[in-house]
């Protein structure tokens, strides 16, 4: 527990230092991409400090040079580090408003072009999704946790609908991401950090063009099933050989 306390304390210090410099760098025009690269470095430093090793499966499924919407399951605060450190390319977070209230860190998120969403206020949430749609039209990808909160026991909870409205409205593919093992590194409502290995499976793109707002529940069900199938398959698999979901549970 002493080790965990030291790691958390050092992590907070590093986060504050890097966040401060992100705010300073934001003075430079068109600095969002630079700040995201710094955030990637921050994530990798904290993963290295905590002795968390991440195996990435299916990296080739992320689209190069095209906007997309990444959607991942959520078990731990470490999911943020795992995704930031290992999803290839640029993206902008759609994150809960509470994170933007954290001193310095919240300001750094804003300077990176990350998008605040208020899930308790439908009108403001829709405005946030409109902002995300603008980012996508500018060629940026976005990242979200469609469960809306961390699962406590590793189960994949039901998905919120808003991000799927965004996907259908923008017409860009959804990239399903399955994170396996992060709940053992740092469980929900715990500051204990346990060194270990995590798998992150980047699934094949899901085309949204055949879906409408009226059929969004079919899209939600499809994406959730892919994330669950990849999670369950790779939780037991010992090799990084991604296969078609038609042949086995992996996407």
C-alpha atoms as a PDB file:
ATOM      1  CA  UNK A   1       0.000   0.000   0.000  1.00  0.00           C
ATOM      2  CA  UNK A   2       2.965   2.319   0.701  1.00  0.00           C
ATOM      3  CA  UNK A   3       4.171   1.686  -2.863  1.00  0.00           C
ATOM      4  CA  UNK A   4       0.738   2.606  -4.235  1.00  0.00           C
ATOM      5  CA  UNK A   5       0.665   5.807  -2.178  1.00  0.00           C
ATOM      6  CA  UNK A   6       4.089   6.814  -3.473  1.00  0.00           C
ATOM      7  CA  UNK A   7       3.071   6.061  -7.066  1.00  0.00           C
ATOM      8  CA  UNK A   8      -0.137   8.073  -6.748  1.00  0.00           C
ATOM      9  CA  UNK A   9       1.709  11.011  -5.193  1.00  0.00           C
ATOM     10  CA  UNK A  10       4.416  10.971  -7.869  1.00  0.00           C
ATOM     11  CA  UNK A  11       1.803  10.513 -10.586  1.00  0.00           C
ATOM     12  CA  UNK A  12      -0.150  13.550  -9.386  1.00  0.00           C
ATOM     13  CA  UNK A  13       3.059  15.621  -9.346  1.00  0.00           C
ATOM     14  CA  UNK A  14       4.003  14.556 -12.881  1.00  0.00           C
ATOM     15  CA  UNK A  15       0.457  15.179 -14.086  1.00  0.00           C
ATOM     16  CA  UNK A  16       0.464  18.684 -12.643  1.00  0.00           C
ATOM     17  CA  UNK A  17       3.871  19.477 -14.160  1.00  0.00           C
ATOM     18  CA  UNK A  18       2.961  18.228 -17.641  1.00  0.00           C
ATOM     19  CA  UNK A  19      -0.500  19.835 -17.508  1.00  0.00           C
ATOM     20  CA  UNK A  20       1.102  23.187 -16.658  1.00  0.00           C
ATOM     21  CA  UNK A  21       3.376  22.997 -19.702  1.00  0.00           C
ATOM     22  CA  UNK A  22       0.458  21.962 -21.929  1.00  0.00           C
ATOM     23  CA  UNK A  23      -1.343  25.144 -20.901  1.00  0.00           C
ATOM     24  CA  UNK A  24       1.797  27.176 -21.691  1.00  0.00           C
ATOM     25  CA  UNK A  25       2.252  25.453 -25.067  1.00  0.00           C
ATOM     26  CA  UNK A  26      -1.367  26.247 -25.954  1.00  0.00           C
ATOM     27  CA  UNK A  27      -0.226  29.833 -26.600  1.00  0.00           C
ATOM     28  CA  UNK A  28       1.366  28.528 -29.807  1.00  0.00           C
ATOM     29  CA  UNK A  29      -1.157  28.510 -32.707  1.00  0.00           C
ATOM     30  CA  UNK A  30      -2.467  25.091 -33.787  1.00  0.00           C
ATOM     31  CA  UNK A  31      -0.945  23.413 -30.754  1.00  0.00           C
ATOM     32  CA  UNK A  32      -3.629  20.750 -30.157  1.00  0.00           C
ATOM     33  CA  UNK A  33      -1.740  17.959 -31.912  1.00  0.00           C
ATOM     34  CA  UNK A  34       1.438  18.785 -29.982  1.00  0.00           C
ATOM     35  CA  UNK A  35      -0.460  18.701 -26.700  1.00  0.00           C
ATOM     36  CA  UNK A  36      -1.998  15.326 -27.551  1.00  0.00           C
ATOM     37  CA  UNK A  37       1.492  13.951 -28.233  1.00  0.00           C
ATOM     38  CA  UNK A  38       2.584  15.228 -24.830  1.00  0.00           C
ATOM     39  CA  UNK A  39      -0.471  13.518 -23.291  1.00  0.00           C
ATOM     40  CA  UNK A  40       0.626  10.281 -24.966  1.00  0.00           C
ATOM     41  CA  UNK A  41       4.072  10.651 -23.421  1.00  0.00           C
ATOM     42  CA  UNK A  42       2.492  11.387 -20.009  1.00  0.00           C
ATOM     43  CA  UNK A  43       0.418   8.208 -20.239  1.00  0.00           C
ATOM     44  CA  UNK A  44       3.403   6.057 -21.161  1.00  0.00           C
ATOM     45  CA  UNK A  45       5.486   7.491 -18.311  1.00  0.00           C
ATOM     46  CA  UNK A  46       2.796   6.646 -15.747  1.00  0.00           C
ATOM     47  CA  UNK A  47       2.324   3.149 -17.183  1.00  0.00           C
ATOM     48  CA  UNK A  48       6.083   2.576 -16.998  1.00  0.00           C
ATOM     49  CA  UNK A  49       6.245   3.883 -13.419  1.00  0.00           C
ATOM     50  CA  UNK A  50       3.492   1.506 -12.329  1.00  0.00           C
ATOM     51  CA  UNK A  51       5.086  -1.431 -14.174  1.00  0.00           C
ATOM     52  CA  UNK A  52       1.977  -1.882 -16.319  1.00  0.00           C
ATOM     53  CA  UNK A  53       2.744  -3.636 -19.606  1.00  0.00           C
ATOM     54  CA  UNK A  54       0.246  -3.256 -22.451  1.00  0.00           C
ATOM     55  CA  UNK A  55      -0.098  -5.740 -25.309  1.00  0.00           C
ATOM     56  CA  UNK A  56      -1.870  -4.171 -28.294  1.00  0.00           C
ATOM     57  CA  UNK A  57      -3.759  -6.511 -30.613  1.00  0.00           C
ATOM     58  CA  UNK A  58      -5.212  -5.354 -33.936  1.00  0.00           C
ATOM     59  CA  UNK A  59      -3.393  -2.022 -34.222  1.00  0.00           C
ATOM     60  CA  UNK A  60      -3.749  -2.303 -37.998  1.00  0.00           C
ATOM     61  CA  UNK A  61      -7.530  -1.906 -37.623  1.00  0.00           C
ATOM     62  CA  UNK A  62      -7.222   1.760 -36.648  1.00  0.00           C
ATOM     63  CA  UNK A  63      -7.755   3.846 -39.789  1.00  0.00           C
ATOM     64  CA  UNK A  64      -4.823   5.971 -40.911  1.00  0.00           C
ATOM     65  CA  UNK A  65      -5.473   9.552 -41.910  1.00  0.00           C
ATOM     66  CA  UNK A  66      -9.264   9.249 -41.548  1.00  0.00           C
ATOM     67  CA  UNK A  67     -11.613  10.306 -38.758  1.00  0.00           C
ATOM     68  CA  UNK A  68     -13.158   7.546 -36.668  1.00  0.00           C
ATOM     69  CA  UNK A  69     -14.883   7.112 -33.320  1.00  0.00           C
ATOM     70  CA  UNK A  70     -13.103   4.862 -30.832  1.00  0.00           C
ATOM     71  CA  UNK A  71     -15.315   3.216 -28.211  1.00  0.00           C
ATOM     72  CA  UNK A  72     -13.808   1.228 -25.329  1.00  0.00           C
ATOM     73  CA  UNK A  73     -15.064  -0.631 -22.285  1.00  0.00           C
ATOM     74  CA  UNK A  74     -14.153   0.949 -18.955  1.00  0.00           C
ATOM     75  CA  UNK A  75     -12.937  -0.833 -15.795  1.00  0.00           C
ATOM     76  CA  UNK A  76     -10.293   1.443 -14.286  1.00  0.00           C
ATOM     77  CA  UNK A  77      -8.788   4.925 -14.279  1.00  0.00           C
ATOM     78  CA  UNK A  78      -5.821   3.228 -15.953  1.00  0.00           C
ATOM     79  CA  UNK A  79      -7.963   2.833 -19.093  1.00  0.00           C
ATOM     80  CA  UNK A  80      -7.280   6.511 -19.820  1.00  0.00           C
ATOM     81  CA  UNK A  81      -3.526   5.886 -19.754  1.00  0.00           C
ATOM     82  CA  UNK A  82      -3.810   2.666 -21.762  1.00  0.00           C
ATOM     83  CA  UNK A  83      -5.813   4.301 -24.546  1.00  0.00           C
ATOM     84  CA  UNK A  84      -3.782   7.521 -24.617  1.00  0.00           C
ATOM     85  CA  UNK A  85      -0.506   5.639 -24.637  1.00  0.00           C
ATOM     86  CA  UNK A  86      -1.341   3.024 -27.239  1.00  0.00           C
ATOM     87  CA  UNK A  87      -4.136   4.072 -29.629  1.00  0.00           C
ATOM     88  CA  UNK A  88      -2.270   5.129 -32.793  1.00  0.00           C
ATOM     89  CA  UNK A  89      -2.735   8.605 -34.200  1.00  0.00           C
ATOM     90  CA  UNK A  90      -4.525  11.707 -33.012  1.00  0.00           C
ATOM     91  CA  UNK A  91      -7.907  11.752 -31.318  1.00  0.00           C
ATOM     92  CA  UNK A  92      -9.934  14.013 -29.044  1.00  0.00           C
ATOM     93  CA  UNK A  93     -11.560  12.763 -25.845  1.00  0.00           C
ATOM     94  CA  UNK A  94     -15.235  13.096 -25.088  1.00  0.00           C
ATOM     95  CA  UNK A  95     -14.950  13.164 -21.303  1.00  0.00           C
ATOM     96  CA  UNK A  96     -17.228  13.788 -18.337  1.00  0.00           C
ATOM     97  CA  UNK A  97     -17.372  17.399 -17.157  1.00  0.00           C
ATOM     98  CA  UNK A  98     -15.965  16.579 -13.702  1.00  0.00           C
ATOM     99  CA  UNK A  99     -12.498  15.994 -15.184  1.00  0.00           C
ATOM    100  CA  UNK A 100     -12.438  19.531 -16.564  1.00  0.00           C
ATOM    101  CA  UNK A 101     -12.916  20.904 -13.038  1.00  0.00           C
ATOM    102  CA  UNK A 102      -9.563  19.520 -11.849  1.00  0.00           C
ATOM    103  CA  UNK A 103      -7.128  22.454 -11.442  1.00  0.00           C
ATOM    104  CA  UNK A 104      -4.494  22.717 -14.207  1.00  0.00           C
ATOM    105  CA  UNK A 105      -5.367  19.220 -15.525  1.00  0.00           C
ATOM    106  CA  UNK A 106      -8.802  20.403 -16.683  1.00  0.00           C
ATOM    107  CA  UNK A 107      -7.262  23.440 -18.354  1.00  0.00           C
ATOM    108  CA  UNK A 108      -4.775  21.180 -20.140  1.00  0.00           C
ATOM    109  CA  UNK A 109      -7.656  19.019 -21.414  1.00  0.00           C
ATOM    110  CA  UNK A 110      -9.346  22.096 -22.835  1.00  0.00           C
ATOM    111  CA  UNK A 111      -6.152  23.247 -24.559  1.00  0.00           C
ATOM    112  CA  UNK A 112      -5.843  19.787 -26.141  1.00  0.00           C
ATOM    113  CA  UNK A 113      -9.265  20.224 -27.751  1.00  0.00           C
ATOM    114  CA  UNK A 114     -10.919  17.558 -25.618  1.00  0.00           C
ATOM    115  CA  UNK A 115     -14.694  17.811 -25.364  1.00  0.00           C
ATOM    116  CA  UNK A 116     -16.592  18.191 -22.100  1.00  0.00           C
ATOM    117  CA  UNK A 117     -19.918  16.385 -21.761  1.00  0.00           C
ATOM    118  CA  UNK A 118     -22.508  16.923 -19.039  1.00  0.00           C
ATOM    119  CA  UNK A 119     -24.461  13.694 -18.828  1.00  0.00           C
ATOM    120  CA  UNK A 120     -26.888  15.214 -16.336  1.00  0.00           C
ATOM    121  CA  UNK A 121     -27.955  17.963 -18.720  1.00  0.00           C
ATOM    122  CA  UNK A 122     -29.408  16.708 -22.003  1.00  0.00           C
ATOM    123  CA  UNK A 123     -29.237  20.073 -23.772  1.00  0.00           C
ATOM    124  CA  UNK A 124     -25.581  20.639 -22.870  1.00  0.00           C
ATOM    125  CA  UNK A 125     -24.759  17.051 -23.757  1.00  0.00           C
ATOM    126  CA  UNK A 126     -26.220  17.568 -27.228  1.00  0.00           C
ATOM    127  CA  UNK A 127     -24.150  20.738 -27.623  1.00  0.00           C
ATOM    128  CA  UNK A 128     -21.045  18.732 -26.726  1.00  0.00           C
ATOM    129  CA  UNK A 129     -21.901  16.144 -29.371  1.00  0.00           C
ATOM    130  CA  UNK A 130     -22.341  18.953 -31.919  1.00  0.00           C
ATOM    131  CA  UNK A 131     -18.839  20.141 -30.984  1.00  0.00           C
ATOM    132  CA  UNK A 132     -17.551  16.591 -31.436  1.00  0.00           C
ATOM    133  CA  UNK A 133     -19.219  16.438 -34.853  1.00  0.00           C
ATOM    134  CA  UNK A 134     -17.368  19.637 -35.789  1.00  0.00           C
ATOM    135  CA  UNK A 135     -14.083  18.035 -34.723  1.00  0.00           C
ATOM    136  CA  UNK A 136     -14.842  15.039 -36.923  1.00  0.00           C
ATOM    137  CA  UNK A 137     -15.637  17.281 -39.898  1.00  0.00           C
ATOM    138  CA  UNK A 138     -12.220  18.861 -39.323  1.00  0.00           C
ATOM    139  CA  UNK A 139     -10.724  15.381 -39.751  1.00  0.00           C
ATOM    140  CA  UNK A 140     -10.209  14.565 -36.062  1.00  0.00           C
ATOM    141  CA  UNK A 141     -11.077  11.251 -34.453  1.00  0.00           C
ATOM    142  CA  UNK A 142     -12.802  11.069 -31.080  1.00  0.00           C
ATOM    143  CA  UNK A 143     -12.574   8.631 -28.172  1.00  0.00           C
ATOM    144  CA  UNK A 144     -15.196   7.681 -25.593  1.00  0.00           C
ATOM    145  CA  UNK A 145     -16.221   5.149 -22.983  1.00  0.00           C
ATOM    146  CA  UNK A 146     -19.844   4.431 -23.988  1.00  0.00           C
ATOM    147  CA  UNK A 147     -20.649   2.790 -20.633  1.00  0.00           C
ATOM    148  CA  UNK A 148     -20.330   6.251 -19.136  1.00  0.00           C
ATOM    149  CA  UNK A 149     -18.663   4.977 -15.964  1.00  0.00           C
ATOM    150  CA  UNK A 150     -16.260   2.278 -14.793  1.00  0.00           C
ATOM    151  CA  UNK A 151     -17.597  -1.198 -14.100  1.00  0.00           C
ATOM    152  CA  UNK A 152     -16.707  -2.418 -10.635  1.00  0.00           C
ATOM    153  CA  UNK A 153     -16.480  -6.146 -11.282  1.00  0.00           C
ATOM    154  CA  UNK A 154     -15.201  -6.223 -14.869  1.00  0.00           C
ATOM    155  CA  UNK A 155     -18.593  -6.690 -16.530  1.00  0.00           C
ATOM    156  CA  UNK A 156     -19.348  -4.596 -19.624  1.00  0.00           C
ATOM    157  CA  UNK A 157     -22.331  -2.445 -18.726  1.00  0.00           C
ATOM    158  CA  UNK A 158     -25.029  -1.096 -21.047  1.00  0.00           C
ATOM    159  CA  UNK A 159     -24.003   1.706 -23.432  1.00  0.00           C
ATOM    160  CA  UNK A 160     -25.222   5.307 -23.455  1.00  0.00           C
ATOM    161  CA  UNK A 161     -26.933   6.376 -26.674  1.00  0.00           C
ATOM    162  CA  UNK A 162     -25.461   9.833 -27.256  1.00  0.00           C
ATOM    163  CA  UNK A 163     -22.161   8.769 -28.791  1.00  0.00           C
ATOM    164  CA  UNK A 164     -24.056   6.573 -31.276  1.00  0.00           C
ATOM    165  CA  UNK A 165     -26.147   9.567 -32.347  1.00  0.00           C
ATOM    166  CA  UNK A 166     -22.816  11.243 -33.084  1.00  0.00           C
ATOM    167  CA  UNK A 167     -21.567   8.249 -35.075  1.00  0.00           C
ATOM    168  CA  UNK A 168     -24.711   8.079 -37.205  1.00  0.00           C
ATOM    169  CA  UNK A 169     -24.787  11.853 -37.698  1.00  0.00           C
ATOM    170  CA  UNK A 170     -21.131  12.052 -38.737  1.00  0.00           C
ATOM    171  CA  UNK A 171     -21.138   8.842 -40.794  1.00  0.00           C
ATOM    172  CA  UNK A 172     -17.632   7.824 -39.718  1.00  0.00           C
ATOM    173  CA  UNK A 173     -16.772   4.246 -38.671  1.00  0.00           C
ATOM    174  CA  UNK A 174     -16.763   3.078 -35.064  1.00  0.00           C
ATOM    175  CA  UNK A 175     -13.611   1.318 -33.874  1.00  0.00           C
ATOM    176  CA  UNK A 176     -14.506  -1.030 -30.989  1.00  0.00           C
ATOM    177  CA  UNK A 177     -11.766  -1.307 -28.347  1.00  0.00           C
ATOM    178  CA  UNK A 178     -11.651  -4.021 -25.676  1.00  0.00           C
ATOM    179  CA  UNK A 179      -9.455  -3.446 -22.620  1.00  0.00           C
ATOM    180  CA  UNK A 180      -8.652  -6.597 -20.653  1.00  0.00           C
ATOM    181  CA  UNK A 181      -7.154  -6.679 -17.170  1.00  0.00           C
ATOM    182  CA  UNK A 182      -7.085  -3.011 -16.175  1.00  0.00           C
ATOM    183  CA  UNK A 183      -9.480  -3.658 -13.302  1.00  0.00           C
ATOM    184  CA  UNK A 184      -6.800  -5.806 -11.655  1.00  0.00           C
ATOM    185  CA  UNK A 185      -4.219  -3.015 -12.016  1.00  0.00           C
ATOM    186  CA  UNK A 186      -6.382  -0.416 -10.265  1.00  0.00           C
ATOM    187  CA  UNK A 187      -9.992  -1.313  -9.399  1.00  0.00           C
ATOM    188  CA  UNK A 188     -12.798   1.214  -9.264  1.00  0.00           C
ATOM    189  CA  UNK A 189     -12.874   3.224  -6.018  1.00  0.00           C
ATOM    190  CA  UNK A 190      -9.401   2.082  -5.047  1.00  0.00           C
ATOM    191  CA  UNK A 191      -5.994   3.769  -5.029  1.00  0.00           C
ATOM    192  CA  UNK A 192      -4.134   0.484  -4.815  1.00  0.00           C
ATOM    193  CA  UNK A 193      -1.946  -0.115  -7.873  1.00  0.00           C
ATOM    194  CA  UNK A 194      -0.855  -3.658  -8.688  1.00  0.00           C
ATOM    195  CA  UNK A 195       1.773  -4.226 -11.417  1.00  0.00           C
ATOM    196  CA  UNK A 196       0.565  -6.434 -14.237  1.00  0.00           C
ATOM    197  CA  UNK A 197      -0.200  -6.971 -17.898  1.00  0.00           C
ATOM    198  CA  UNK A 198      -3.102  -5.554 -19.872  1.00  0.00           C
ATOM    199  CA  UNK A 199      -4.385  -6.380 -23.344  1.00  0.00           C
ATOM    200  CA  UNK A 200      -5.990  -3.791 -25.580  1.00  0.00           C
ATOM    201  CA  UNK A 201      -7.790  -5.201 -28.610  1.00  0.00           C
ATOM    202  CA  UNK A 202      -8.563  -2.792 -31.460  1.00  0.00           C
ATOM    203  CA  UNK A 203     -11.417  -4.343 -33.404  1.00  0.00           C
ATOM    204  CA  UNK A 204     -12.267  -3.976 -37.060  1.00  0.00           C
ATOM    205  CA  UNK A 205     -14.180  -0.825 -38.092  1.00  0.00           C
ATOM    206  CA  UNK A 206     -17.971  -0.960 -37.853  1.00  0.00           C
ATOM    207  CA  UNK A 207     -19.616   0.884 -40.744  1.00  0.00           C
ATOM    208  CA  UNK A 208     -22.516   3.055 -39.557  1.00  0.00           C
ATOM    209  CA  UNK A 209     -23.870   4.223 -42.913  1.00  0.00           C
ATOM    210  CA  UNK A 210     -26.693   1.672 -43.029  1.00  0.00           C
ATOM    211  CA  UNK A 211     -28.032   2.819 -39.638  1.00  0.00           C
ATOM    212  CA  UNK A 212     -30.386   5.660 -38.770  1.00  0.00           C
ATOM    213  CA  UNK A 213     -31.328   7.278 -35.486  1.00  0.00           C
ATOM    214  CA  UNK A 214     -34.379   5.006 -35.482  1.00  0.00           C
ATOM    215  CA  UNK A 215     -32.203   1.877 -35.771  1.00  0.00           C
ATOM    216  CA  UNK A 216     -29.471   3.098 -33.401  1.00  0.00           C
ATOM    217  CA  UNK A 217     -30.251   0.336 -30.913  1.00  0.00           C
ATOM    218  CA  UNK A 218     -29.164  -2.244 -33.498  1.00  0.00           C
ATOM    219  CA  UNK A 219     -25.850  -0.404 -33.874  1.00  0.00           C
ATOM    220  CA  UNK A 220     -25.412  -0.158 -30.100  1.00  0.00           C
ATOM    221  CA  UNK A 221     -26.069  -3.876 -29.763  1.00  0.00           C
ATOM    222  CA  UNK A 222     -23.612  -4.747 -32.544  1.00  0.00           C
ATOM    223  CA  UNK A 223     -20.744  -2.639 -31.172  1.00  0.00           C
ATOM    224  CA  UNK A 224     -21.287  -3.865 -27.617  1.00  0.00           C
ATOM    225  CA  UNK A 225     -21.307  -7.505 -28.759  1.00  0.00           C
ATOM    226  CA  UNK A 226     -18.022  -6.999 -30.643  1.00  0.00           C
ATOM    227  CA  UNK A 227     -16.362  -5.411 -27.599  1.00  0.00           C
ATOM    228  CA  UNK A 228     -17.616  -8.230 -25.343  1.00  0.00           C
ATOM    229  CA  UNK A 229     -16.612 -10.946 -27.836  1.00  0.00           C
ATOM    230  CA  UNK A 230     -13.091  -9.582 -28.221  1.00  0.00           C
ATOM    231  CA  UNK A 231     -12.766  -9.096 -24.479  1.00  0.00           C
ATOM    232  CA  UNK A 232     -13.831 -12.649 -23.668  1.00  0.00           C
ATOM    233  CA  UNK A 233     -11.804 -14.278 -26.441  1.00  0.00           C
ATOM    234  CA  UNK A 234      -8.531 -12.455 -25.802  1.00  0.00           C
ATOM    235  CA  UNK A 235      -8.882 -12.766 -22.048  1.00  0.00           C
ATOM    236  CA  UNK A 236      -8.111 -16.455 -22.526  1.00  0.00           C
ATOM    237  CA  UNK A 237      -6.034 -16.360 -25.719  1.00  0.00           C
ATOM    238  CA  UNK A 238      -2.275 -16.650 -25.439  1.00  0.00           C
ATOM    239  CA  UNK A 239      -1.326 -15.382 -28.890  1.00  0.00           C
ATOM    240  CA  UNK A 240      -1.857 -12.115 -30.729  1.00  0.00           C
ATOM    241  CA  UNK A 241      -3.484 -13.505 -33.870  1.00  0.00           C
ATOM    242  CA  UNK A 242      -6.660 -11.549 -34.568  1.00  0.00           C
ATOM    243  CA  UNK A 243      -9.316 -13.428 -36.536  1.00  0.00           C
ATOM    244  CA  UNK A 244     -12.680 -12.676 -38.042  1.00  0.00           C
ATOM    245  CA  UNK A 245     -15.608 -12.682 -35.690  1.00  0.00           C
ATOM    246  CA  UNK A 246     -17.381 -15.020 -38.107  1.00  0.00           C
ATOM    247  CA  UNK A 247     -14.750 -17.695 -37.370  1.00  0.00           C
ATOM    248  CA  UNK A 248     -14.431 -17.157 -33.624  1.00  0.00           C
ATOM    249  CA  UNK A 249     -15.454 -14.599 -31.001  1.00  0.00           C
ATOM    250  CA  UNK A 250     -12.758 -12.099 -31.978  1.00  0.00           C
ATOM    251  CA  UNK A 251     -13.426  -9.177 -34.303  1.00  0.00           C
END
